[in-house]
Amino acid sequence: SFARLQKMYRPDGEVFQALHLGTGGKGLPFEIYKDEAAPQNTPTYKLKPVTHANTVDSYHADHHPSDRVIRTGKVVAGEHLPNEQGPLQVGGEMTKKITDLIMKAKKPVIIAGQGCNDASAELKIFADRLQIPVATTLHGLGCFDERSELALNMVGMHGHPTPNFMVQEADLIICVGSRFDDRITGRMSDFVPEARVAEEEGRGGVIHVDIRLTENAKQISPTFFVHSTGKKFLETMIEFLAGMDSKPNTSAWIKRMKELQKEYPVKIPSFPSETVSV
């Protein structure tokens, strides 16, 4: 169970404090008010249900994904694209726009976070189908087989050089189930410079998938924000791609990955064996 205090607004603009009570991530708002009938020397406060308020409950939105794709209006390739959103579904217009962007990319990278921990199979199918290298965050370690030829190892300040170089050089970042915390990004103004340029030119950018709506543009403004689970996103994309023959041309990008891996190998210590008599 939980309790949290939140400022809320009535339709007429009046501000009041509401206490949210509930379980399982479902907030039930109650207004806090003073009981005027209580003795003067013992002030008493009571709760009554809130039925009319024109505020968005961000806590509820963070725990109940709407399975929608959101694009914030930006200037892309000299053209102003308006705000738009639509459902994440096979055959959906916004799903097609995400796919079109992926197909344009020459240097895409997947950053797999905690939100991929229940979608290992889907993540592998998606990465293999599109031949996109996969870096994992600390909380996502294990969601992608590190023995795969597309595995980049852990990204971020405690991670490996190869994924960090590739993330910085990538023209498209597909971040699934991670919140772009500073252990991944470092100085935000210097993060993913190539993807930012590619977004302006309409050939790349950032696709951010997160179950928490409040993560949209919290750290980095994405080209597309997908308010859904990592598993739902990957399942939808796999089904959508099943009806297509094309895939992005990443052969030169894979070659670059192998060059970096050769220059910065993941060293596994070996120890000589010996026989010990007990």
C-alpha atoms as a PDB file:
ATOM      1  CA  SER A   1       0.000   0.000   0.000  1.00  0.00           C
ATOM      2  CA  PHE A   2       1.084   3.630  -0.338  1.00  0.00           C
ATOM      3  CA  ALA A   3       0.084   7.206   0.404  1.00  0.00           C
ATOM      4  CA  ARG A   4       1.280  10.290  -1.441  1.00  0.00           C
ATOM      5  CA  LEU A   5       0.377  13.956  -1.361  1.00  0.00           C
ATOM      6  CA  GLN A   6      -0.349  15.757  -4.622  1.00  0.00           C
ATOM      7  CA  LYS A   7      -1.459  19.266  -5.537  1.00  0.00           C
ATOM      8  CA  MET A   8      -4.646  19.120  -7.597  1.00  0.00           C
ATOM      9  CA  TYR A   9      -6.890  21.623  -9.344  1.00  0.00           C
ATOM     10  CA  ARG A  10     -10.629  21.943  -9.565  1.00  0.00           C
ATOM     11  CA  PRO A  11     -12.198  22.856 -12.923  1.00  0.00           C
ATOM     12  CA  ASP A  12     -12.670  26.416 -11.625  1.00  0.00           C
ATOM     13  CA  GLY A  13      -8.916  26.691 -10.932  1.00  0.00           C
ATOM     14  CA  GLU A  14      -9.110  26.266  -7.146  1.00  0.00           C
ATOM     15  CA  VAL A  15      -6.032  24.487  -5.763  1.00  0.00           C
ATOM     16  CA  PHE A  16      -6.224  21.873  -3.037  1.00  0.00           C
ATOM     17  CA  GLN A  17      -4.157  19.067  -1.535  1.00  0.00           C
ATOM     18  CA  ALA A  18      -5.136  15.473  -2.178  1.00  0.00           C
ATOM     19  CA  LEU A  19      -3.834  12.329  -0.566  1.00  0.00           C
ATOM     20  CA  HIS A  20      -3.650   9.325  -2.860  1.00  0.00           C
ATOM     21  CA  LEU A  21      -4.289   5.997  -1.168  1.00  0.00           C
ATOM     22  CA  GLY A  22      -4.331   2.574  -2.740  1.00  0.00           C
ATOM     23  CA  THR A  23      -2.487  -0.564  -3.698  1.00  0.00           C
ATOM     24  CA  GLY A  24      -0.971  -2.058  -6.799  1.00  0.00           C
ATOM     25  CA  GLY A  25      -0.114   1.297  -8.357  1.00  0.00           C
ATOM     26  CA  LYS A  26      -3.696   2.567  -8.475  1.00  0.00           C
ATOM     27  CA  GLY A  27      -3.998   5.968  -6.841  1.00  0.00           C
ATOM     28  CA  LEU A  28      -7.307   6.870  -5.205  1.00  0.00           C
ATOM     29  CA  PRO A  29      -7.430  10.616  -4.426  1.00  0.00           C
ATOM     30  CA  PHE A  30      -9.028  11.993  -1.266  1.00  0.00           C
ATOM     31  CA  GLU A  31      -9.211  15.679  -0.399  1.00  0.00           C
ATOM     32  CA  ILE A  32      -7.791  16.674   2.962  1.00  0.00           C
ATOM     33  CA  TYR A  33     -10.072  19.028   4.866  1.00  0.00           C
ATOM     34  CA  LYS A  34     -10.309  20.340   8.396  1.00  0.00           C
ATOM     35  CA  ASP A  35     -13.181  19.136  10.537  1.00  0.00           C
ATOM     36  CA  GLU A  36     -14.720  22.394  11.781  1.00  0.00           C
ATOM     37  CA  ALA A  37     -16.822  20.466  14.317  1.00  0.00           C
ATOM     38  CA  ALA A  38     -13.725  19.277  16.175  1.00  0.00           C
ATOM     39  CA  PRO A  39     -12.728  21.043  19.431  1.00  0.00           C
ATOM     40  CA  GLN A  40     -10.571  24.129  18.979  1.00  0.00           C
ATOM     41  CA  ASN A  41      -7.637  22.682  20.923  1.00  0.00           C
ATOM     42  CA  THR A  42      -7.646  19.386  18.964  1.00  0.00           C
ATOM     43  CA  PRO A  43      -7.740  20.181  15.239  1.00  0.00           C
ATOM     44  CA  THR A  44      -8.881  17.180  13.213  1.00  0.00           C
ATOM     45  CA  TYR A  45      -8.397  16.539   9.523  1.00  0.00           C
ATOM     46  CA  LYS A  46     -10.547  14.216   7.454  1.00  0.00           C
ATOM     47  CA  LEU A  47     -10.602  12.789   3.948  1.00  0.00           C
ATOM     48  CA  LYS A  48     -13.329  12.820   1.339  1.00  0.00           C
ATOM     49  CA  PRO A  49     -13.177  11.344  -2.173  1.00  0.00           C
ATOM     50  CA  VAL A  50     -12.188  13.653  -5.011  1.00  0.00           C
ATOM     51  CA  THR A  51     -14.657  13.351  -7.867  1.00  0.00           C
ATOM     52  CA  HIS A  52     -13.888  16.419  -9.984  1.00  0.00           C
ATOM     53  CA  ALA A  53     -10.362  17.572 -10.778  1.00  0.00           C
ATOM     54  CA  ASN A  54      -8.763  18.602 -14.046  1.00  0.00           C
ATOM     55  CA  THR A  55      -5.272  17.271 -13.360  1.00  0.00           C
ATOM     56  CA  VAL A  56      -3.455  14.348 -14.949  1.00  0.00           C
ATOM     57  CA  ASP A  57      -2.462  11.692 -12.453  1.00  0.00           C
ATOM     58  CA  SER A  58       1.131  11.084 -13.539  1.00  0.00           C
ATOM     59  CA  TYR A  59       1.517   8.234 -11.054  1.00  0.00           C
ATOM     60  CA  HIS A  60      -1.330   6.324 -12.668  1.00  0.00           C
ATOM     61  CA  ALA A  61       0.054   7.032 -16.154  1.00  0.00           C
ATOM     62  CA  ASP A  62       3.468   5.721 -15.118  1.00  0.00           C
ATOM     63  CA  HIS A  63       1.980   2.385 -14.071  1.00  0.00           C
ATOM     64  CA  HIS A  64      -0.620   1.940 -16.799  1.00  0.00           C
ATOM     65  CA  PRO A  65       0.921   2.186 -20.278  1.00  0.00           C
ATOM     66  CA  SER A  66      -1.422   3.501 -22.933  1.00  0.00           C
ATOM     67  CA  ASP A  67       0.359   1.691 -25.820  1.00  0.00           C
ATOM     68  CA  ARG A  68       0.601   4.924 -27.772  1.00  0.00           C
ATOM     69  CA  VAL A  69       3.306   6.462 -29.940  1.00  0.00           C
ATOM     70  CA  ILE A  70       3.966  10.163 -29.372  1.00  0.00           C
ATOM     71  CA  ARG A  71       5.936  12.512 -31.601  1.00  0.00           C
ATOM     72  CA  THR A  72       6.674  16.017 -30.383  1.00  0.00           C
ATOM     73  CA  GLY A  73       6.595  18.681 -33.063  1.00  0.00           C
ATOM     74  CA  LYS A  74      10.057  19.478 -34.436  1.00  0.00           C
ATOM     75  CA  VAL A  75      11.742  20.880 -37.511  1.00  0.00           C
ATOM     76  CA  VAL A  76      12.999  17.927 -39.553  1.00  0.00           C
ATOM     77  CA  ALA A  77      14.777  18.346 -42.896  1.00  0.00           C
ATOM     78  CA  GLY A  78      13.612  21.953 -42.990  1.00  0.00           C
ATOM     79  CA  GLU A  79       9.966  20.993 -42.491  1.00  0.00           C
ATOM     80  CA  HIS A  80       8.014  21.628 -39.292  1.00  0.00           C
ATOM     81  CA  LEU A  81       6.346  18.409 -38.179  1.00  0.00           C
ATOM     82  CA  PRO A  82       3.415  18.944 -35.796  1.00  0.00           C
ATOM     83  CA  ASN A  83       2.683  17.101 -32.561  1.00  0.00           C
ATOM     84  CA  GLU A  84       0.967  13.819 -33.251  1.00  0.00           C
ATOM     85  CA  GLN A  85       0.239  10.517 -31.590  1.00  0.00           C
ATOM     86  CA  GLY A  86      -1.482   7.272 -32.333  1.00  0.00           C
ATOM     87  CA  PRO A  87      -1.854   3.705 -31.128  1.00  0.00           C
ATOM     88  CA  LEU A  88       1.032   1.246 -31.118  1.00  0.00           C
ATOM     89  CA  GLN A  89      -0.486  -1.445 -33.302  1.00  0.00           C
ATOM     90  CA  VAL A  90       0.328  -3.539 -36.342  1.00  0.00           C
ATOM     91  CA  GLY A  91      -0.710  -1.556 -39.391  1.00  0.00           C
ATOM     92  CA  GLY A  92      -0.960   1.673 -37.378  1.00  0.00           C
ATOM     93  CA  GLU A  93       0.232   4.912 -38.958  1.00  0.00           C
ATOM     94  CA  MET A  94       2.622   5.766 -36.119  1.00  0.00           C
ATOM     95  CA  THR A  95       4.050   2.242 -36.077  1.00  0.00           C
ATOM     96  CA  LYS A  96       4.737   2.596 -39.797  1.00  0.00           C
ATOM     97  CA  LYS A  97       6.501   5.927 -39.237  1.00  0.00           C
ATOM     98  CA  ILE A  98       8.762   4.342 -36.629  1.00  0.00           C
ATOM     99  CA  THR A  99       9.538   1.501 -39.037  1.00  0.00           C
ATOM    100  CA  ASP A 100      10.270   3.917 -41.875  1.00  0.00           C
ATOM    101  CA  LEU A 101      12.765   5.751 -39.666  1.00  0.00           C
ATOM    102  CA  ILE A 102      14.502   2.498 -38.723  1.00  0.00           C
ATOM    103  CA  MET A 103      14.793   1.548 -42.398  1.00  0.00           C
ATOM    104  CA  LYS A 104      16.494   4.867 -43.192  1.00  0.00           C
ATOM    105  CA  ALA A 105      19.158   4.413 -40.525  1.00  0.00           C
ATOM    106  CA  LYS A 106      22.641   3.267 -41.473  1.00  0.00           C
ATOM    107  CA  LYS A 107      24.106   3.132 -37.974  1.00  0.00           C
ATOM    108  CA  PRO A 108      21.358   2.087 -35.515  1.00  0.00           C
ATOM    109  CA  VAL A 109      21.935   0.855 -31.966  1.00  0.00           C
ATOM    110  CA  ILE A 110      19.521  -0.730 -29.514  1.00  0.00           C
ATOM    111  CA  ILE A 111      19.923   0.163 -25.841  1.00  0.00           C
ATOM    112  CA  ALA A 112      18.153  -2.565 -23.882  1.00  0.00           C
ATOM    113  CA  GLY A 113      17.256  -1.722 -20.301  1.00  0.00           C
ATOM    114  CA  GLN A 114      15.362  -3.279 -17.435  1.00  0.00           C
ATOM    115  CA  GLY A 115      12.180  -3.131 -19.489  1.00  0.00           C
ATOM    116  CA  CYS A 116      13.568  -5.912 -21.707  1.00  0.00           C
ATOM    117  CA  ASN A 117      14.108  -8.397 -18.888  1.00  0.00           C
ATOM    118  CA  ASP A 118      10.868 -10.204 -19.733  1.00  0.00           C
ATOM    119  CA  ALA A 119      11.367  -9.945 -23.493  1.00  0.00           C
ATOM    120  CA  SER A 120      14.688 -11.654 -24.245  1.00  0.00           C
ATOM    121  CA  ALA A 121      13.260 -13.768 -27.061  1.00  0.00           C
ATOM    122  CA  GLU A 122      11.505 -10.815 -28.701  1.00  0.00           C
ATOM    123  CA  LEU A 123      14.618  -8.644 -28.393  1.00  0.00           C
ATOM    124  CA  LYS A 124      16.752 -11.279 -30.144  1.00  0.00           C
ATOM    125  CA  ILE A 125      14.245 -11.728 -32.971  1.00  0.00           C
ATOM    126  CA  PHE A 126      13.974  -7.957 -33.469  1.00  0.00           C
ATOM    127  CA  ALA A 127      17.759  -7.392 -33.450  1.00  0.00           C
ATOM    128  CA  ASP A 128      18.488 -10.376 -35.710  1.00  0.00           C
ATOM    129  CA  ARG A 129      15.761  -9.407 -38.175  1.00  0.00           C
ATOM    130  CA  LEU A 130      17.140  -5.887 -38.587  1.00  0.00           C
ATOM    131  CA  GLN A 131      20.822  -6.651 -37.894  1.00  0.00           C
ATOM    132  CA  ILE A 132      21.090  -3.965 -35.216  1.00  0.00           C
ATOM    133  CA  PRO A 133      23.778  -4.176 -32.489  1.00  0.00           C
ATOM    134  CA  VAL A 134      22.474  -4.350 -28.914  1.00  0.00           C
ATOM    135  CA  ALA A 135      23.983  -2.642 -25.867  1.00  0.00           C
ATOM    136  CA  THR A 136      22.594  -3.359 -22.407  1.00  0.00           C
ATOM    137  CA  THR A 137      22.311  -1.228 -19.298  1.00  0.00           C
ATOM    138  CA  LEU A 138      23.296  -2.392 -15.820  1.00  0.00           C
ATOM    139  CA  HIS A 139      19.711  -3.385 -14.997  1.00  0.00           C
ATOM    140  CA  GLY A 140      19.281  -4.993 -18.399  1.00  0.00           C
ATOM    141  CA  LEU A 141      22.307  -7.293 -18.217  1.00  0.00           C
ATOM    142  CA  GLY A 142      21.308 -10.779 -19.255  1.00  0.00           C
ATOM    143  CA  CYS A 143      18.330  -9.790 -21.407  1.00  0.00           C
ATOM    144  CA  PHE A 144      20.443 -10.246 -24.556  1.00  0.00           C
ATOM    145  CA  ASP A 145      22.820 -13.147 -25.143  1.00  0.00           C
ATOM    146  CA  GLU A 146      26.354 -11.739 -24.955  1.00  0.00           C
ATOM    147  CA  ARG A 147      27.525 -14.610 -27.181  1.00  0.00           C
ATOM    148  CA  SER A 148      25.540 -13.142 -30.077  1.00  0.00           C
ATOM    149  CA  GLU A 149      27.510 -11.459 -32.855  1.00  0.00           C
ATOM    150  CA  LEU A 150      25.299  -8.393 -32.316  1.00  0.00           C
ATOM    151  CA  ALA A 151      26.033  -8.096 -28.587  1.00  0.00           C
ATOM    152  CA  LEU A 152      27.916  -4.944 -27.572  1.00  0.00           C
ATOM    153  CA  ASN A 153      28.162  -5.536 -23.833  1.00  0.00           C
ATOM    154  CA  MET A 154      27.215  -3.027 -21.133  1.00  0.00           C
ATOM    155  CA  VAL A 155      26.955   0.668 -22.003  1.00  0.00           C
ATOM    156  CA  GLY A 156      27.594   3.687 -19.793  1.00  0.00           C
ATOM    157  CA  MET A 157      30.285   5.035 -17.513  1.00  0.00           C
ATOM    158  CA  HIS A 158      30.812   1.604 -15.931  1.00  0.00           C
ATOM    159  CA  GLY A 159      30.459  -0.184 -19.253  1.00  0.00           C
ATOM    160  CA  HIS A 160      32.667  -1.222 -22.126  1.00  0.00           C
ATOM    161  CA  PRO A 161      34.292   1.090 -24.730  1.00  0.00           C
ATOM    162  CA  THR A 162      32.701  -0.503 -27.810  1.00  0.00           C
ATOM    163  CA  PRO A 163      29.028   0.217 -26.985  1.00  0.00           C
ATOM    164  CA  ASN A 164      29.892   3.718 -25.790  1.00  0.00           C
ATOM    165  CA  PHE A 165      31.708   4.578 -29.024  1.00  0.00           C
ATOM    166  CA  MET A 166      28.890   3.103 -31.100  1.00  0.00           C
ATOM    167  CA  VAL A 167      26.139   4.918 -29.219  1.00  0.00           C
ATOM    168  CA  GLN A 168      27.939   8.209 -29.799  1.00  0.00           C
ATOM    169  CA  GLU A 169      28.439   7.441 -33.492  1.00  0.00           C
ATOM    170  CA  ALA A 170      24.942   6.018 -34.095  1.00  0.00           C
ATOM    171  CA  ASP A 171      22.445   7.833 -36.307  1.00  0.00           C
ATOM    172  CA  LEU A 172      19.503   6.111 -34.587  1.00  0.00           C
ATOM    173  CA  ILE A 173      19.104   5.095 -30.935  1.00  0.00           C
ATOM    174  CA  ILE A 174      16.334   2.631 -30.102  1.00  0.00           C
ATOM    175  CA  CYS A 175      16.149   2.748 -26.311  1.00  0.00           C
ATOM    176  CA  VAL A 176      13.827   0.073 -24.933  1.00  0.00           C
ATOM    177  CA  GLY A 177      13.006   0.055 -21.228  1.00  0.00           C
ATOM    178  CA  SER A 178      15.686   2.436 -19.990  1.00  0.00           C
ATOM    179  CA  ARG A 179      15.375   5.986 -18.698  1.00  0.00           C
ATOM    180  CA  PHE A 180      18.572   7.572 -20.065  1.00  0.00           C
ATOM    181  CA  ASP A 181      20.020   8.126 -16.597  1.00  0.00           C
ATOM    182  CA  ASP A 182      23.306   9.994 -16.264  1.00  0.00           C
ATOM    183  CA  ARG A 183      25.288   6.767 -15.788  1.00  0.00           C
ATOM    184  CA  ILE A 184      24.492   6.081 -19.449  1.00  0.00           C
ATOM    185  CA  THR A 185      24.513   9.560 -20.943  1.00  0.00           C
ATOM    186  CA  GLY A 186      27.278  11.375 -19.095  1.00  0.00           C
ATOM    187  CA  ARG A 187      27.086  15.071 -19.930  1.00  0.00           C
ATOM    188  CA  MET A 188      23.713  15.370 -21.624  1.00  0.00           C
ATOM    189  CA  SER A 189      24.756  18.120 -24.037  1.00  0.00           C
ATOM    190  CA  ASP A 190      27.383  15.786 -25.530  1.00  0.00           C
ATOM    191  CA  PHE A 191      25.228  12.659 -25.696  1.00  0.00           C
ATOM    192  CA  VAL A 192      24.368  11.036 -29.085  1.00  0.00           C
ATOM    193  CA  PRO A 193      25.537  13.949 -31.268  1.00  0.00           C
ATOM    194  CA  GLU A 194      25.246  11.973 -34.507  1.00  0.00           C
ATOM    195  CA  ALA A 195      21.674  10.914 -33.747  1.00  0.00           C
ATOM    196  CA  ARG A 196      20.729  14.550 -33.095  1.00  0.00           C
ATOM    197  CA  VAL A 197      22.129  15.595 -36.479  1.00  0.00           C
ATOM    198  CA  ALA A 198      20.414  12.655 -38.177  1.00  0.00           C
ATOM    199  CA  GLU A 199      17.102  13.664 -36.626  1.00  0.00           C
ATOM    200  CA  GLU A 200      17.397  17.185 -38.033  1.00  0.00           C
ATOM    201  CA  GLU A 201      18.061  15.679 -41.459  1.00  0.00           C
ATOM    202  CA  GLY A 202      15.155  13.222 -41.223  1.00  0.00           C
ATOM    203  CA  ARG A 203      17.293  10.063 -41.387  1.00  0.00           C
ATOM    204  CA  GLY A 204      17.552   9.077 -37.718  1.00  0.00           C
ATOM    205  CA  GLY A 205      17.096  10.286 -34.160  1.00  0.00           C
ATOM    206  CA  VAL A 206      15.935   8.655 -30.929  1.00  0.00           C
ATOM    207  CA  ILE A 207      13.112   6.171 -30.361  1.00  0.00           C
ATOM    208  CA  HIS A 208      12.418   5.887 -26.634  1.00  0.00           C
ATOM    209  CA  VAL A 209      10.203   3.110 -25.282  1.00  0.00           C
ATOM    210  CA  ASP A 210       9.216   3.340 -21.609  1.00  0.00           C
ATOM    211  CA  ILE A 211       6.333   2.268 -19.416  1.00  0.00           C
ATOM    212  CA  ARG A 212       6.547   5.583 -17.548  1.00  0.00           C
ATOM    213  CA  LEU A 213       4.948   8.505 -19.338  1.00  0.00           C
ATOM    214  CA  THR A 214       6.907  10.988 -17.216  1.00  0.00           C
ATOM    215  CA  GLU A 215      10.149   9.766 -18.828  1.00  0.00           C
ATOM    216  CA  ASN A 216       9.110  11.338 -22.140  1.00  0.00           C
ATOM    217  CA  ALA A 217      11.696  14.075 -22.838  1.00  0.00           C
ATOM    218  CA  LYS A 218      12.776  14.025 -19.202  1.00  0.00           C
ATOM    219  CA  GLN A 219      16.448  13.559 -20.069  1.00  0.00           C
ATOM    220  CA  ILE A 220      16.541  13.661 -23.847  1.00  0.00           C
ATOM    221  CA  SER A 221      13.864  14.789 -26.292  1.00  0.00           C
ATOM    222  CA  PRO A 222      13.071  11.760 -28.477  1.00  0.00           C
ATOM    223  CA  THR A 223      11.976  11.675 -32.080  1.00  0.00           C
ATOM    224  CA  PHE A 224       9.326   9.162 -31.036  1.00  0.00           C
ATOM    225  CA  PHE A 225       8.258   8.239 -27.508  1.00  0.00           C
ATOM    226  CA  VAL A 226       6.430   4.939 -27.119  1.00  0.00           C
ATOM    227  CA  HIS A 227       4.381   4.749 -23.905  1.00  0.00           C
ATOM    228  CA  SER A 228       4.336   0.989 -23.588  1.00  0.00           C
ATOM    229  CA  THR A 229       6.200  -1.996 -22.213  1.00  0.00           C
ATOM    230  CA  GLY A 230       9.317  -3.195 -23.961  1.00  0.00           C
ATOM    231  CA  LYS A 231       7.679  -6.543 -24.645  1.00  0.00           C
ATOM    232  CA  LYS A 232       4.587  -5.011 -26.244  1.00  0.00           C
ATOM    233  CA  PHE A 233       6.702  -2.735 -28.431  1.00  0.00           C
ATOM    234  CA  LEU A 234       8.957  -5.553 -29.617  1.00  0.00           C
ATOM    235  CA  GLU A 235       6.026  -7.907 -30.277  1.00  0.00           C
ATOM    236  CA  THR A 236       4.261  -5.233 -32.325  1.00  0.00           C
ATOM    237  CA  MET A 237       7.359  -4.391 -34.338  1.00  0.00           C
ATOM    238  CA  ILE A 238       8.165  -8.056 -35.029  1.00  0.00           C
ATOM    239  CA  GLU A 239       4.646  -8.690 -36.314  1.00  0.00           C
ATOM    240  CA  PHE A 240       4.733  -5.524 -38.414  1.00  0.00           C
ATOM    241  CA  LEU A 241       8.129  -6.436 -39.906  1.00  0.00           C
ATOM    242  CA  ALA A 242       6.921  -9.944 -40.742  1.00  0.00           C
ATOM    243  CA  GLY A 243       5.041  -8.501 -43.678  1.00  0.00           C
ATOM    244  CA  MET A 244       8.098  -6.691 -45.053  1.00  0.00           C
ATOM    245  CA  ASP A 245      11.096  -7.897 -47.046  1.00  0.00           C
ATOM    246  CA  SER A 246      13.331  -4.870 -46.557  1.00  0.00           C
ATOM    247  CA  LYS A 247      15.728  -4.143 -43.720  1.00  0.00           C
ATOM    248  CA  PRO A 248      18.244  -1.376 -43.051  1.00  0.00           C
ATOM    249  CA  ASN A 249      21.666  -1.729 -44.660  1.00  0.00           C
ATOM    250  CA  THR A 250      23.911  -2.056 -41.623  1.00  0.00           C
ATOM    251  CA  SER A 251      26.783  -4.073 -43.128  1.00  0.00           C
ATOM    252  CA  ALA A 252      29.296  -1.208 -42.855  1.00  0.00           C
ATOM    253  CA  TRP A 253      28.083  -0.523 -39.321  1.00  0.00           C
ATOM    254  CA  ILE A 254      28.600  -4.151 -38.300  1.00  0.00           C
ATOM    255  CA  LYS A 255      32.121  -3.932 -39.743  1.00  0.00           C
ATOM    256  CA  ARG A 256      32.764  -0.863 -37.596  1.00  0.00           C
ATOM    257  CA  MET A 257      31.544  -2.799 -34.552  1.00  0.00           C
ATOM    258  CA  LYS A 258      34.017  -5.609 -35.211  1.00  0.00           C
ATOM    259  CA  GLU A 259      36.860  -3.118 -35.591  1.00  0.00           C
ATOM    260  CA  LEU A 260      36.065  -1.619 -32.194  1.00  0.00           C
ATOM    261  CA  GLN A 261      35.719  -5.038 -30.598  1.00  0.00           C
ATOM    262  CA  LYS A 262      39.149  -5.976 -31.934  1.00  0.00           C
ATOM    263  CA  GLU A 263      40.648  -2.743 -30.612  1.00  0.00           C
ATOM    264  CA  TYR A 264      38.854  -3.001 -27.246  1.00  0.00           C
ATOM    265  CA  PRO A 265      38.380  -6.725 -26.563  1.00  0.00           C
ATOM    266  CA  VAL A 266      36.374  -7.987 -23.616  1.00  0.00           C
ATOM    267  CA  LYS A 267      39.120  -9.662 -21.644  1.00  0.00           C
ATOM    268  CA  ILE A 268      38.173 -12.825 -19.801  1.00  0.00           C
ATOM    269  CA  PRO A 269      40.863 -13.853 -17.301  1.00  0.00           C
ATOM    270  CA  SER A 270      42.232 -17.372 -17.531  1.00  0.00           C
ATOM    271  CA  PHE A 271      43.919 -19.233 -14.744  1.00  0.00           C
ATOM    272  CA  PRO A 272      46.288 -22.199 -15.142  1.00  0.00           C
ATOM    273  CA  SER A 273      44.954 -25.448 -13.835  1.00  0.00           C
ATOM    274  CA  GLU A 274      46.878 -27.460 -11.292  1.00  0.00           C
ATOM    275  CA  THR A 275      46.405 -30.570  -9.298  1.00  0.00           C
ATOM    276  CA  VAL A 276      46.176 -30.152  -5.548  1.00  0.00           C
ATOM    277  CA  SER A 277      46.560 -33.080  -3.181  1.00  0.00           C
ATOM    278  CA  VAL A 278      44.396 -32.958  -0.076  1.00  0.00           C
END
